[in-house]
Amino acid sequence: MKKGLIGKKLGMSQVYTAEGVLIPVTVINCGPCTVISAKTVAKDGYSALQLGFGTRKVKNVSKAVLGNVKPAGLEANPPEFIKEIRLDADPSQKAGDVLDVDVFAKDEFVDVTGTTKGRGFQGVVHRWHFAGGRETHGGAWTRRTGSIGMCEKPGKVMKGHPMPGHMGDVTRTVQNLKVIDVRPEEHLVFVKGAIPGANGGLVFVRSAVKK
């Protein structure tokens, strides 16, 4: 069954197994997430859960959002983030229920979605790993793009050519990360390996699609 939670990346660490093997892990503060609404096939045409995570001030939330979270009893403490997770079947939860990290179990596999670190405007050497030009014999274009066109036919720069531009700050998903440990009392999930984004960044952890 599909399941997912909203969380924040706390950073990377390492743990040892009972056999003494060191495993690099990413620590995620996952949940508690309040169910804002439950979508059913009969009513909405699909099955899903709308989850809320964190809190924010009421004055910073629109009336539309306050009306959306009212059935869950969150109008006094509206969530900072709202995200919907699709399900295979109609959910058993209802508005106001709370999901925590215990929905995940040790040794299962998850997919983690986050926003990569923004790098601003970057050149082709940093952004696309171009080798750059020569540094001797009057090179003068060490970190430049170099030739990007052609002589006669079709006489244009082809679409999709690697060029300087904005780098990072895009949504990326890392698949099939193994859950090394779950600590419900601290709302923490330890997954093997790295995930996108900076420490403190918002992430979405859900059941692995391929495993």
Protein backbone atom coordinates (compact mmCIF):
# COMPACT_ATOMS: atom_id res chain seq x y z
CA MET A 1 0.00 0.00 0.00
CA LYS A 2 1.25 3.47 -0.84
CA LYS A 3 2.11 5.80 2.02
CA GLY A 4 3.99 9.05 2.48
CA LEU A 5 4.91 11.83 4.88
CA ILE A 6 6.16 15.40 4.68
CA GLY A 7 9.36 16.19 6.54
CA LYS A 8 12.52 18.26 6.82
CA LYS A 9 16.07 17.19 6.06
CA LEU A 10 18.19 17.58 9.21
CA GLY A 11 21.51 16.49 7.76
CA MET A 12 23.77 13.50 7.24
CA SER A 13 25.25 11.19 9.83
CA GLN A 14 26.46 7.61 10.12
CA VAL A 15 25.38 4.54 12.03
CA TYR A 16 26.90 1.13 12.71
CA THR A 17 25.15 -2.17 12.21
CA ALA A 18 25.34 -5.03 14.70
CA GLU A 19 28.15 -6.47 12.55
CA GLY A 20 30.15 -3.23 12.81
CA VAL A 21 29.49 -2.02 9.27
CA LEU A 22 29.35 1.78 8.92
CA ILE A 23 26.39 3.11 6.92
CA PRO A 24 26.06 6.77 5.79
CA VAL A 25 22.53 8.00 6.48
CA THR A 26 20.39 11.10 6.07
CA VAL A 27 18.29 12.07 9.09
CA ILE A 28 14.78 13.30 8.26
CA ASN A 29 12.36 14.89 10.73
CA CYS A 30 9.28 13.24 9.26
CA GLY A 31 5.89 14.17 10.70
CA PRO A 32 3.69 14.34 12.60
CA CYS A 33 1.45 15.08 9.62
CA THR A 34 -2.23 15.90 10.08
CA VAL A 35 -4.76 14.60 7.57
CA ILE A 36 -6.50 17.67 6.15
CA SER A 37 -8.85 15.78 3.87
CA ALA A 38 -9.37 12.27 2.55
CA LYS A 39 -10.15 11.90 -1.15
CA THR A 40 -12.32 8.98 -2.30
CA VAL A 41 -13.21 7.64 -5.72
CA ALA A 42 -16.94 8.07 -5.11
CA LYS A 43 -16.67 11.72 -4.10
CA ASP A 44 -13.52 13.05 -5.79
CA GLY A 45 -12.81 10.55 -8.55
CA TYR A 46 -9.51 9.35 -7.06
CA SER A 47 -8.01 8.14 -3.78
CA ALA A 48 -5.59 10.34 -1.87
CA LEU A 49 -4.71 11.92 1.44
CA GLN A 50 -4.03 15.64 1.83
CA LEU A 51 -1.43 16.11 4.56
CA GLY A 52 -0.27 19.15 6.51
CA PHE A 53 3.13 19.58 8.17
CA GLY A 54 4.50 22.26 10.50
CA THR A 55 2.71 25.40 11.66
CA ARG A 56 2.56 29.05 10.65
CA LYS A 57 0.87 32.22 11.84
CA VAL A 58 -2.79 32.68 11.00
CA LYS A 59 -2.15 36.20 9.69
CA ASN A 60 0.12 34.79 7.00
CA VAL A 61 -2.47 32.32 5.65
CA SER A 62 -5.17 33.10 3.10
CA LYS A 63 -8.85 32.58 3.90
CA ALA A 64 -9.00 29.87 1.26
CA VAL A 65 -6.35 27.82 3.06
CA LEU A 66 -7.99 28.43 6.45
CA GLY A 67 -11.26 27.13 5.04
CA ASN A 68 -9.50 24.08 3.64
CA VAL A 69 -7.89 23.10 6.96
CA LYS A 70 -10.96 23.86 9.12
CA PRO A 71 -12.44 20.33 8.91
CA ALA A 72 -9.17 19.03 10.42
CA GLY A 73 -9.38 21.54 13.28
CA LEU A 74 -6.25 23.42 12.19
CA GLU A 75 -7.71 26.91 11.68
CA ALA A 76 -5.92 28.12 14.84
CA ASN A 77 -2.60 26.47 13.85
CA PRO A 78 -2.55 26.20 10.06
CA PRO A 79 0.14 23.93 8.58
CA GLU A 80 3.23 25.41 6.99
CA PHE A 81 3.20 22.89 4.13
CA ILE A 82 0.36 21.01 2.46
CA LYS A 83 0.87 18.09 0.09
CA GLU A 84 -1.29 15.34 -1.35
CA ILE A 85 -0.33 11.70 -1.69
CA ARG A 86 -2.11 9.39 -4.12
CA LEU A 87 -3.27 6.01 -2.81
CA ASP A 88 -4.17 2.67 -4.38
CA ALA A 89 -7.49 2.48 -2.54
CA ASP A 90 -9.78 4.76 -0.55
CA PRO A 91 -8.08 5.77 2.73
CA SER A 92 -9.31 4.65 6.13
CA GLN A 93 -8.15 7.90 7.74
CA LYS A 94 -10.34 10.96 8.07
CA ALA A 95 -9.72 14.69 8.54
CA GLY A 96 -7.97 15.39 11.83
CA ASP A 97 -6.10 12.08 12.07
CA VAL A 98 -2.35 12.27 12.63
CA LEU A 99 0.27 10.19 10.78
CA ASP A 100 3.76 9.76 12.19
CA VAL A 101 7.00 8.03 11.25
CA ASP A 102 5.71 4.67 12.47
CA VAL A 103 3.98 4.28 9.08
CA PHE A 104 7.46 3.32 7.82
CA ALA A 105 9.34 0.26 8.97
CA LYS A 106 13.01 -0.60 9.19
CA ASP A 107 14.54 -2.17 6.05
CA GLU A 108 11.78 -1.04 3.69
CA PHE A 109 12.52 1.14 0.66
CA VAL A 110 11.33 4.69 0.06
CA ASP A 111 11.57 7.44 -2.56
CA VAL A 112 12.56 10.91 -1.31
CA THR A 113 11.71 14.09 -3.21
CA GLY A 114 13.34 17.43 -2.43
CA THR A 115 14.52 20.70 -3.97
CA THR A 116 18.20 20.83 -4.89
CA LYS A 117 20.44 23.62 -3.66
CA GLY A 118 20.27 26.76 -5.78
CA ARG A 119 23.61 27.72 -7.35
CA GLY A 120 22.56 30.90 -9.12
CA PHE A 121 23.85 31.76 -12.60
CA GLN A 122 26.75 29.48 -13.53
CA GLY A 123 29.00 29.01 -16.52
CA VAL A 124 29.42 25.86 -18.57
CA VAL A 125 32.42 24.55 -16.63
CA HIS A 126 30.51 24.43 -13.33
CA ARG A 127 27.08 23.69 -14.77
CA TRP A 128 27.90 21.12 -17.46
CA HIS A 129 31.49 20.11 -16.61
CA PHE A 130 33.00 21.49 -19.82
CA ALA A 131 36.77 21.10 -19.99
CA GLY A 132 37.31 24.75 -20.95
CA GLY A 133 39.93 26.12 -23.27
CA ARG A 134 43.71 26.00 -23.18
CA GLU A 135 45.63 28.18 -20.75
CA THR A 136 48.71 28.64 -22.94
CA HIS A 137 49.56 30.09 -26.36
CA GLY A 138 47.13 32.99 -26.10
CA GLY A 139 44.12 30.87 -25.13
CA ALA A 140 42.13 33.64 -23.40
CA TRP A 141 38.98 31.49 -23.15
CA THR A 142 39.82 29.18 -20.25
CA ARG A 143 36.28 28.88 -18.87
CA ARG A 144 34.26 29.96 -21.88
CA THR A 145 31.74 27.95 -23.89
CA GLY A 146 33.60 27.74 -27.18
CA SER A 147 31.95 27.03 -30.51
CA ILE A 148 28.22 26.28 -30.32
CA GLY A 149 27.04 26.56 -33.94
CA MET A 150 27.87 25.21 -37.39
CA CYS A 151 29.02 26.63 -40.71
CA GLU A 152 26.18 26.37 -43.21
CA LYS A 153 23.46 23.77 -42.66
CA PRO A 154 21.24 24.18 -40.73
CA GLY A 155 23.19 27.26 -39.63
CA LYS A 156 21.80 27.61 -36.14
CA VAL A 157 22.39 26.59 -32.54
CA MET A 158 20.62 23.28 -31.91
CA LYS A 159 17.93 23.22 -29.23
CA GLY A 160 19.00 21.81 -25.90
CA HIS A 161 22.66 22.77 -26.26
CA PRO A 162 24.39 23.10 -22.87
CA MET A 163 24.83 26.80 -22.12
CA PRO A 164 25.46 29.07 -19.13
CA GLY A 165 22.38 29.72 -17.01
CA HIS A 166 20.54 29.17 -13.76
CA MET A 167 21.72 26.08 -11.90
CA GLY A 168 19.98 24.13 -9.17
CA ASP A 169 16.74 24.93 -7.29
CA VAL A 170 14.80 22.17 -9.08
CA THR A 171 12.73 19.24 -7.80
CA ARG A 172 14.54 15.92 -7.80
CA THR A 173 13.67 12.43 -6.52
CA VAL A 174 16.08 9.79 -5.26
CA GLN A 175 14.59 6.31 -5.52
CA ASN A 176 14.99 3.08 -3.58
CA LEU A 177 16.58 4.41 -0.39
CA LYS A 178 16.65 1.86 2.40
CA VAL A 179 15.20 2.81 5.79
CA ILE A 180 17.94 2.08 8.31
CA ASP A 181 16.13 3.15 11.47
CA VAL A 182 12.84 4.69 12.64
CA ARG A 183 12.53 6.60 15.92
CA PRO A 184 8.86 7.46 16.57
CA GLU A 185 9.56 9.20 19.88
CA GLU A 186 11.77 11.73 18.06
CA HIS A 187 9.84 11.74 14.74
CA LEU A 188 13.02 10.71 12.92
CA VAL A 189 13.66 8.48 9.92
CA PHE A 190 17.18 7.39 8.94
CA VAL A 191 17.58 6.54 5.24
CA LYS A 192 20.71 5.17 3.61
CA GLY A 193 22.57 7.61 1.37
CA ALA A 194 22.03 11.24 0.37
CA ILE A 195 18.86 13.10 -0.58
CA PRO A 196 18.37 16.38 -2.49
CA GLY A 197 18.37 19.78 -0.82
CA ALA A 198 20.03 21.72 1.95
CA ASN A 199 19.72 20.99 5.66
CA GLY A 200 16.34 22.25 6.84
CA GLY A 201 14.82 21.86 3.39
CA LEU A 202 11.38 20.39 2.82
CA VAL A 203 11.26 16.78 1.60
CA PHE A 204 8.55 14.26 0.79
CA VAL A 205 9.09 10.60 1.75
CA ARG A 206 6.85 7.97 0.16
CA SER A 207 6.82 4.26 -0.58
CA ALA A 208 9.26 3.20 -3.29
CA VAL A 209 7.66 2.85 -6.71
CA LYS A 210 10.11 0.29 -8.09
CA LYS A 211 10.55 -1.91 -4.99
